[in-house]
Every structure is written in C-alpha cells, then in structure tokens.
PDB file of N, CA and C in Angstrom:
ATOM      1  N   MET A   1      63.568 117.057 113.715  1.00  0.00           N
ATOM      2  CA  MET A   1      64.987 117.123 113.372  1.00  0.00           C
ATOM      3  C   MET A   1      65.591 115.736 113.496  1.00  0.00           C
ATOM      4  N   GLN A   2      66.262 115.288 112.442  1.00  0.00           N
ATOM      5  CA  GLN A   2      66.869 113.972 112.497  1.00  0.00           C
ATOM      6  C   GLN A   2      68.209 114.034 113.212  1.00  0.00           C
ATOM      7  N   PRO A   3      68.649 112.911 113.790  1.00  0.00           N
ATOM      8  CA  PRO A   3      69.928 112.905 114.512  1.00  0.00           C
ATOM      9  C   PRO A   3      71.105 113.106 113.566  1.00  0.00           C
ATOM     10  N   LEU A   4      72.216 113.553 114.139  1.00  0.00           N
ATOM     11  CA  LEU A   4      73.447 113.711 113.355  1.00  0.00           C
ATOM     12  C   LEU A   4      73.894 112.354 112.834  1.00  0.00           C
ATOM     13  N   PRO A   5      74.383 112.320 111.612  1.00  0.00           N
ATOM     14  CA  PRO A   5      74.962 111.066 111.141  1.00  0.00           C
ATOM     15  C   PRO A   5      76.234 110.776 111.929  1.00  0.00           C
ATOM     16  N   GLU A   6      76.659 109.528 111.900  1.00  0.00           N
ATOM     17  CA  GLU A   6      77.928 109.170 112.528  1.00  0.00           C
ATOM     18  C   GLU A   6      79.038 109.335 111.500  1.00  0.00           C
ATOM     19  N   VAL A   7      80.241 109.626 111.984  1.00  0.00           N
ATOM     20  CA  VAL A   7      81.389 109.772 111.087  1.00  0.00           C
ATOM     21  C   VAL A   7      81.503 108.507 110.237  1.00  0.00           C
ATOM     22  N   GLY A   8      81.620 108.688 108.928  1.00  0.00           N
ATOM     23  CA  GLY A   8      81.737 107.571 108.003  1.00  0.00           C
ATOM     24  C   GLY A   8      80.427 107.127 107.395  1.00  0.00           C
ATOM     25  N   ASP A   9      79.280 107.635 107.917  1.00  0.00           N
ATOM     26  CA  ASP A   9      77.987 107.295 107.330  1.00  0.00           C
ATOM     27  C   ASP A   9      77.900 107.860 105.920  1.00  0.00           C
ATOM     28  N   LEU A  10      77.315 107.102 105.037  1.00  0.00           N
ATOM     29  CA  LEU A  10      77.104 107.567 103.678  1.00  0.00           C
ATOM     30  C   LEU A  10      75.819 108.381 103.647  1.00  0.00           C
ATOM     31  N   VAL A  11      75.911 109.590 103.108  1.00  0.00           N
ATOM     32  CA  VAL A  11      74.760 110.491 103.071  1.00  0.00           C
ATOM     33  C   VAL A  11      74.589 111.071 101.672  1.00  0.00           C
ATOM     34  N   ARG A  12      73.400 111.595 101.424  1.00  0.00           N
ATOM     35  CA  ARG A  12      73.107 112.256 100.149  1.00  0.00           C
ATOM     36  C   ARG A  12      72.801 113.718 100.435  1.00  0.00           C
ATOM     37  N   ASP A  13      73.457 114.593  99.702  1.00  0.00           N
ATOM     38  CA  ASP A  13      73.201 116.028  99.772  1.00  0.00           C
ATOM     39  C   ASP A  13      72.125 116.317  98.729  1.00  0.00           C
ATOM     40  N   ASN A  14      70.905 116.522  99.178  1.00  0.00           N
ATOM     41  CA  ASN A  14      69.788 116.729  98.258  1.00  0.00           C
ATOM     42  C   ASN A  14      69.909 118.020  97.461  1.00  0.00           C
ATOM     43  N   ALA A  15      70.658 118.983  97.959  1.00  0.00           N
ATOM     44  CA  ALA A  15      70.824 120.251  97.236  1.00  0.00           C
ATOM     45  C   ALA A  15      71.658 120.068  95.974  1.00  0.00           C
ATOM     46  N   THR A  16      72.613 119.127  96.023  1.00  0.00           N
ATOM     47  CA  THR A  16      73.504 118.915  94.875  1.00  0.00           C
ATOM     48  C   THR A  16      73.300 117.559  94.213  1.00  0.00           C
ATOM     49  N   GLY A  17      72.660 116.635  94.919  1.00  0.00           N
ATOM     50  CA  GLY A  17      72.496 115.280  94.412  1.00  0.00           C
ATOM     51  C   GLY A  17      73.711 114.402  94.624  1.00  0.00           C
ATOM     52  N   ARG A  18      74.736 114.946  95.281  1.00  0.00           N
ATOM     53  CA  ARG A  18      75.981 114.201  95.492  1.00  0.00           C
ATOM     54  C   ARG A  18      75.858 113.275  96.703  1.00  0.00           C
ATOM     55  N   VAL A  19      76.602 112.185  96.655  1.00  0.00           N
ATOM     56  CA  VAL A  19      76.654 111.212  97.749  1.00  0.00           C
ATOM     57  C   VAL A  19      78.079 111.191  98.276  1.00  0.00           C
ATOM     58  N   GLY A  20      78.219 111.178  99.588  1.00  0.00           N
ATOM     59  CA  GLY A  20      79.544 111.141 100.183  1.00  0.00           C
ATOM     60  C   GLY A  20      79.494 110.678 101.621  1.00  0.00           C
ATOM     61  N   PHE A  21      80.659 110.643 102.252  1.00  0.00           N
ATOM     62  CA  PHE A  21      80.779 110.184 103.623  1.00  0.00           C
ATOM     63  C   PHE A  21      80.787 111.384 104.575  1.00  0.00           C
ATOM     64  N   TYR A  22      79.950 111.308 105.605  1.00  0.00           N
ATOM     65  CA  TYR A  22      79.894 112.369 106.605  1.00  0.00           C
ATOM     66  C   TYR A  22      81.213 112.411 107.369  1.00  0.00           C
ATOM     67  N   VAL A  23      81.794 113.618 107.490  1.00  0.00           N
ATOM     68  CA  VAL A  23      83.071 113.797 108.182  1.00  0.00           C
ATOM     69  C   VAL A  23      82.861 114.433 109.551  1.00  0.00           C
ATOM     70  N   GLU A  24      82.177 115.575 109.588  1.00  0.00           N
ATOM     71  CA  GLU A  24      81.930 116.264 110.853  1.00  0.00           C
ATOM     72  C   GLU A  24      80.985 117.429 110.621  1.00  0.00           C
ATOM     73  N   SER A  25      80.582 118.046 111.719  1.00  0.00           N
ATOM     74  CA  SER A  25      79.760 119.244 111.664  1.00  0.00           C
ATOM     75  C   SER A  25      80.638 120.428 112.053  1.00  0.00           C
ATOM     76  N   VAL A  26      80.660 121.456 111.199  1.00  0.00           N
ATOM     77  CA  VAL A  26      81.485 122.631 111.440  1.00  0.00           C
ATOM     78  C   VAL A  26      80.605 123.867 111.311  1.00  0.00           C
ATOM     79  N   SER A  27      80.533 124.645 112.362  1.00  0.00           N
ATOM     80  CA  SER A  27      79.756 125.891 112.362  1.00  0.00           C
ATOM     81  C   SER A  27      78.323 125.673 111.864  1.00  0.00           C
ATOM     82  N   GLY A  28      77.734 124.564 112.269  1.00  0.00           N
ATOM     83  CA  GLY A  28      76.342 124.311 111.921  1.00  0.00           C
ATOM     84  C   GLY A  28      76.122 123.723 110.540  1.00  0.00           C
ATOM     85  N   ARG A  29      77.197 123.433 109.823  1.00  0.00           N
ATOM     86  CA  ARG A  29      77.084 122.818 108.490  1.00  0.00           C
ATOM     87  C   ARG A  29      77.794 121.467 108.516  1.00  0.00           C
ATOM     88  N   PHE A  30      77.371 120.579 107.634  1.00  0.00           N
ATOM     89  CA  PHE A  30      77.984 119.254 107.551  1.00  0.00           C
ATOM     90  C   PHE A  30      79.130 119.284 106.552  1.00  0.00           C
ATOM     91  N   LEU A  31      80.211 118.623 106.894  1.00  0.00           N
ATOM     92  CA  LEU A  31      81.337 118.453 105.992  1.00  0.00           C
ATOM     93  C   LEU A  31      81.253 117.023 105.451  1.00  0.00           C
ATOM     94  N   ILE A  32      81.253 116.893 104.122  1.00  0.00           N
ATOM     95  CA  ILE A  32      81.072 115.603 103.466  1.00  0.00           C
ATOM     96  C   ILE A  32      82.243 115.355 102.522  1.00  0.00           C
ATOM     97  N   ARG A  33      82.777 114.130 102.583  1.00  0.00           N
ATOM     98  CA  ARG A  33      83.901 113.739 101.721  1.00  0.00           C
ATOM     99  C   ARG A  33      83.368 112.946 100.537  1.00  0.00           C
ATOM    100  N   ALA A  34      83.789 113.309  99.364  1.00  0.00           N
ATOM    101  CA  ALA A  34      83.367 112.618  98.156  1.00  0.00           C
ATOM    102  C   ALA A  34      83.750 111.141  98.228  1.00  0.00           C
ATOM    103  N   VAL A  35      82.929 110.285  97.676  1.00  0.00           N
ATOM    104  CA  VAL A  35      83.164 108.845  97.709  1.00  0.00           C
ATOM    105  C   VAL A  35      84.495 108.482  97.074  1.00  0.00           C
ATOM    106  N   HIS A  36      84.828 109.099  95.949  1.00  0.00           N
ATOM    107  CA  HIS A  36      86.070 108.786  95.245  1.00  0.00           C
ATOM    108  C   HIS A  36      87.240 109.614  95.745  1.00  0.00           C
ATOM    109  N   GLY A  37      87.102 110.271  96.873  1.00  0.00           N
ATOM    110  CA  GLY A  37      88.144 111.153  97.362  1.00  0.00           C
ATOM    111  C   GLY A  37      87.962 112.529  96.743  1.00  0.00           C
ATOM    112  N   GLY A  38      88.972 113.320  96.805  1.00  0.00           N
ATOM    113  CA  GLY A  38      88.865 114.666  96.267  1.00  0.00           C
ATOM    114  C   GLY A  38      88.389 115.638  97.324  1.00  0.00           C
ATOM    115  N   ALA A  39      87.945 116.764  96.860  1.00  0.00           N
ATOM    116  CA  ALA A  39      87.575 117.853  97.762  1.00  0.00           C
ATOM    117  C   ALA A  39      86.323 117.525  98.569  1.00  0.00           C
ATOM    118  N   GLU A  40      86.364 117.898  99.836  1.00  0.00           N
ATOM    119  CA  GLU A  40      85.179 117.791 100.676  1.00  0.00           C
ATOM    120  C   GLU A  40      84.301 118.996 100.389  1.00  0.00           C
ATOM    121  N   TRP A  41      83.027 118.891 100.733  1.00  0.00           N
ATOM    122  CA  TRP A  41      82.139 120.037 100.568  1.00  0.00           C
ATOM    123  C   TRP A  41      81.262 120.187 101.796  1.00  0.00           C
ATOM    124  N   GLU A  42      80.722 121.390 101.944  1.00  0.00           N
ATOM    125  CA  GLU A  42      79.827 121.684 103.055  1.00  0.00           C
ATOM    126  C   GLU A  42      78.392 121.601 102.569  1.00  0.00           C
ATOM    127  N   ALA A  43      77.519 121.166 103.471  1.00  0.00           N
ATOM    128  CA  ALA A  43      76.102 121.063 103.140  1.00  0.00           C
ATOM    129  C   ALA A  43      75.269 121.505 104.335  1.00  0.00           C
ATOM    130  N   GLU A  44      74.111 122.043 104.050  1.00  0.00           N
ATOM    131  CA  GLU A  44      73.158 122.389 105.107  1.00  0.00           C
ATOM    132  C   GLU A  44      72.600 121.090 105.682  1.00  0.00           C
ATOM    133  N   PRO A  45      72.541 120.962 106.993  1.00  0.00           N
ATOM    134  CA  PRO A  45      72.005 119.732 107.590  1.00  0.00           C
ATOM    135  C   PRO A  45      70.598 119.383 107.097  1.00  0.00           C
ATOM    136  N   THR A  46      69.784 120.380 106.792  1.00  0.00           N
ATOM    137  CA  THR A  46      68.427 120.109 106.318  1.00  0.00           C
ATOM    138  C   THR A  46      68.415 119.505 104.921  1.00  0.00           C
ATOM    139  N   ASP A  47      69.520 119.629 104.185  1.00  0.00           N
ATOM    140  CA  ASP A  47      69.616 119.078 102.832  1.00  0.00           C
ATOM    141  C   ASP A  47      70.205 117.670 102.811  1.00  0.00           C
ATOM    142  N   VAL A  48      70.639 117.168 103.967  1.00  0.00           N
ATOM    143  CA  VAL A  48      71.352 115.897 104.025  1.00  0.00           C
ATOM    144  C   VAL A  48      70.458 114.814 104.616  1.00  0.00           C
ATOM    145  N   GLN A  49      70.478 113.669 103.949  1.00  0.00           N
ATOM    146  CA  GLN A  49      69.742 112.510 104.454  1.00  0.00           C
ATOM    147  C   GLN A  49      70.594 111.265 104.277  1.00  0.00           C
ATOM    148  N   PRO A  50      70.293 110.217 105.039  1.00  0.00           N
ATOM    149  CA  PRO A  50      71.051 108.974 104.842  1.00  0.00           C
ATOM    150  C   PRO A  50      70.872 108.474 103.415  1.00  0.00           C
ATOM    151  N   ALA A  51      71.915 107.896 102.862  1.00  0.00           N
ATOM    152  CA  ALA A  51      71.835 107.337 101.514  1.00  0.00           C
ATOM    153  C   ALA A  51      70.991 106.060 101.570  1.00  0.00           C
ATOM    154  N   THR A  52      70.286 105.790 100.495  1.00  0.00           N
ATOM    155  CA  THR A  52      69.503 104.551 100.421  1.00  0.00           C
ATOM    156  C   THR A  52      70.462 103.367 100.376  1.00  0.00           C
ATOM    157  N   PRO A  53      70.002 102.190 100.745  1.00  0.00           N
ATOM    158  CA  PRO A  53      70.886 101.022 100.700  1.00  0.00           C
ATOM    159  C   PRO A  53      71.501 100.795  99.314  1.00  0.00           C
ATOM    160  N   LEU A  54      70.743 101.011  98.245  1.00  0.00           N
ATOM    161  CA  LEU A  54      71.289 100.825  96.908  1.00  0.00           C
ATOM    162  C   LEU A  54      72.376 101.846  96.610  1.00  0.00           C
ATOM    163  N   ARG A  55      72.146 103.112  96.960  1.00  0.00           N
ATOM    164  CA  ARG A  55      73.174 104.137  96.758  1.00  0.00           C
ATOM    165  C   ARG A  55      74.420 103.811  97.577  1.00  0.00           C
ATOM    166  N   GLU A  56      74.206 103.328  98.801  1.00  0.00           N
ATOM    167  CA  GLU A  56      75.348 102.993  99.651  1.00  0.00           C
ATOM    168  C   GLU A  56      76.148 101.850  99.040  1.00  0.00           C
ATOM    169  N   LEU A  57      75.481 100.819  98.565  1.00  0.00           N
ATOM    170  CA  LEU A  57      76.174  99.695  97.947  1.00  0.00           C
ATOM    171  C   LEU A  57      76.988 100.150  96.739  1.00  0.00           C
ATOM    172  N   ARG A  58      76.382 100.961  95.884  1.00  0.00           N
ATOM    173  CA  ARG A  58      77.088 101.460  94.696  1.00  0.00           C
ATOM    174  C   ARG A  58      78.285 102.314  95.083  1.00  0.00           C
ATOM    175  N   ALA A  59      78.104 103.195  96.069  1.00  0.00           N
ATOM    176  CA  ALA A  59      79.181 104.097  96.478  1.00  0.00           C
ATOM    177  C   ALA A  59      80.337 103.332  97.104  1.00  0.00           C
ATOM    178  N   ARG A  60      80.025 102.364  97.954  1.00  0.00           N
ATOM    179  CA  ARG A  60      81.105 101.596  98.596  1.00  0.00           C
ATOM    180  C   ARG A  60      81.844 100.737  97.570  1.00  0.00           C
ATOM    181  N   ALA A  61      81.123 100.170  96.608  1.00  0.00           N
ATOM    182  CA  ALA A  61      81.780  99.398  95.546  1.00  0.00           C
ATOM    183  C   ALA A  61      82.675 100.306  94.713  1.00  0.00           C
ATOM    184  N   ALA A  62      82.197 101.501  94.409  1.00  0.00           N
ATOM    185  CA  ALA A  62      82.999 102.452  93.630  1.00  0.00           C
ATOM    186  C   ALA A  62      84.257 102.850  94.398  1.00  0.00           C
ATOM    187  N   GLU A  63      84.133 103.031  95.709  1.00  0.00           N
ATOM    188  CA  GLU A  63      85.302 103.400  96.511  1.00  0.00           C
ATOM    189  C   GLU A  63      86.324 102.264  96.518  1.00  0.00           C
ATOM    190  N   ILE A  64      85.871 101.025  96.667  1.00  0.00           N
ATOM    191  CA  ILE A  64      86.772  99.880  96.666  1.00  0.00           C
ATOM    192  C   ILE A  64      87.466  99.771  95.311  1.00  0.00           C
ATOM    193  N   ASN A  65      86.714  99.940  94.246  1.00  0.00           N
ATOM    194  CA  ASN A  65      87.301  99.870  92.903  1.00  0.00           C
ATOM    195  C   ASN A  65      88.337 100.972  92.693  1.00  0.00           C
ATOM    196  N   ALA A  66      88.040 102.178  93.152  1.00  0.00           N
ATOM    197  CA  ALA A  66      88.977 103.291  92.997  1.00  0.00           C
ATOM    198  C   ALA A  66      90.260 103.022  93.787  1.00  0.00           C
ATOM    199  N   ARG A  67      90.119 102.509  94.999  1.00  0.00           N
ATOM    200  CA  ARG A  67      91.299 102.184  95.816  1.00  0.00           C
ATOM    201  C   ARG A  67      92.122 101.096  95.141  1.00  0.00           C
ATOM    202  N   SER A  68      91.454 100.107  94.557  1.00  0.00           N
ATOM    203  CA  SER A  68      92.143  99.021  93.879  1.00  0.00           C
ATOM    204  C   SER A  68      92.947  99.549  92.678  1.00  0.00           C
ATOM    205  N   ARG A  69      92.350 100.457  91.924  1.00  0.00           N
ATOM    206  CA  ARG A  69      93.044 101.025  90.764  1.00  0.00           C
ATOM    207  C   ARG A  69      94.280 101.818  91.206  1.00  0.00           C
ATOM    208  N   ARG A  70      94.219 102.412  92.381  1.00  0.00           N
ATOM    209  CA  ARG A  70      95.368 103.184  92.884  1.00  0.00           C
ATOM    210  C   ARG A  70      96.362 102.285  93.615  1.00  0.00           C
ATOM    211  N   GLY A  71      96.071 100.983  93.694  1.00  0.00           N
ATOM    212  CA  GLY A  71      96.980 100.048  94.353  1.00  0.00           C
ATOM    213  C   GLY A  71      96.952 100.100  95.848  1.00  0.00           C
ATOM    214  N   LEU A  72      95.823 100.563  96.415  1.00  0.00           N
ATOM    215  CA  LEU A  72      95.728 100.697  97.874  1.00  0.00           C
ATOM    216  C   LEU A  72      95.036  99.512  98.528  1.00  0.00           C
ATOM    217  N   GLY A  73      94.523  98.587  97.771  1.00  0.00           N
ATOM    218  CA  GLY A  73      93.820  97.439  98.345  1.00  0.00           C
ATOM    219  C   GLY A  73      92.454  97.830  98.840  1.00  0.00           C
ATOM    220  N   ALA A  74      91.721  96.863  99.353  1.00  0.00           N
ATOM    221  CA  ALA A  74      90.335  97.107  99.771  1.00  0.00           C
ATOM    222  C   ALA A  74      90.221  97.554 101.167  1.00  0.00           C
TER     223      ALA A  74
END
C-alpha cells in the first residue's frame, strides 16, 4: 500500500485518466480537484498514483495559464 498523497500533490486517477490535485480522504475515498478548477471528484485510492513529472509540469503550466486568463495572476 502506498502512502497517502499530501494535500496539493498532483495525482492521476487511473480509472478515469484524469489528473488533479489531491484534496483529502473522505470515507476511504480520495477527493481530487481538477487542475483547471471545476468540480472535484472522488476516486478509489487503489486507482490513484502520483502524476509523472511531465504530467505535473503540463498540469501546473495549464493551471497558471488558466489563472492568468481569469486575471488572478500566477
């Protein structure tokens, strides 16, 4: 069993293929926030793994770009 991710860690939900930021564990499931914001989703811990460095770089760049477009700064 792998350790729990830390809040804010970028993870990949292998069941859906989605990448997002780990928020917390609720009732034995992980709550993950979409990189671009929007609705959070729940995932089975066994389906979640740390995002690869390339996925993390792309996701963080996308988040910065989205914030910039909304006028929120980096």
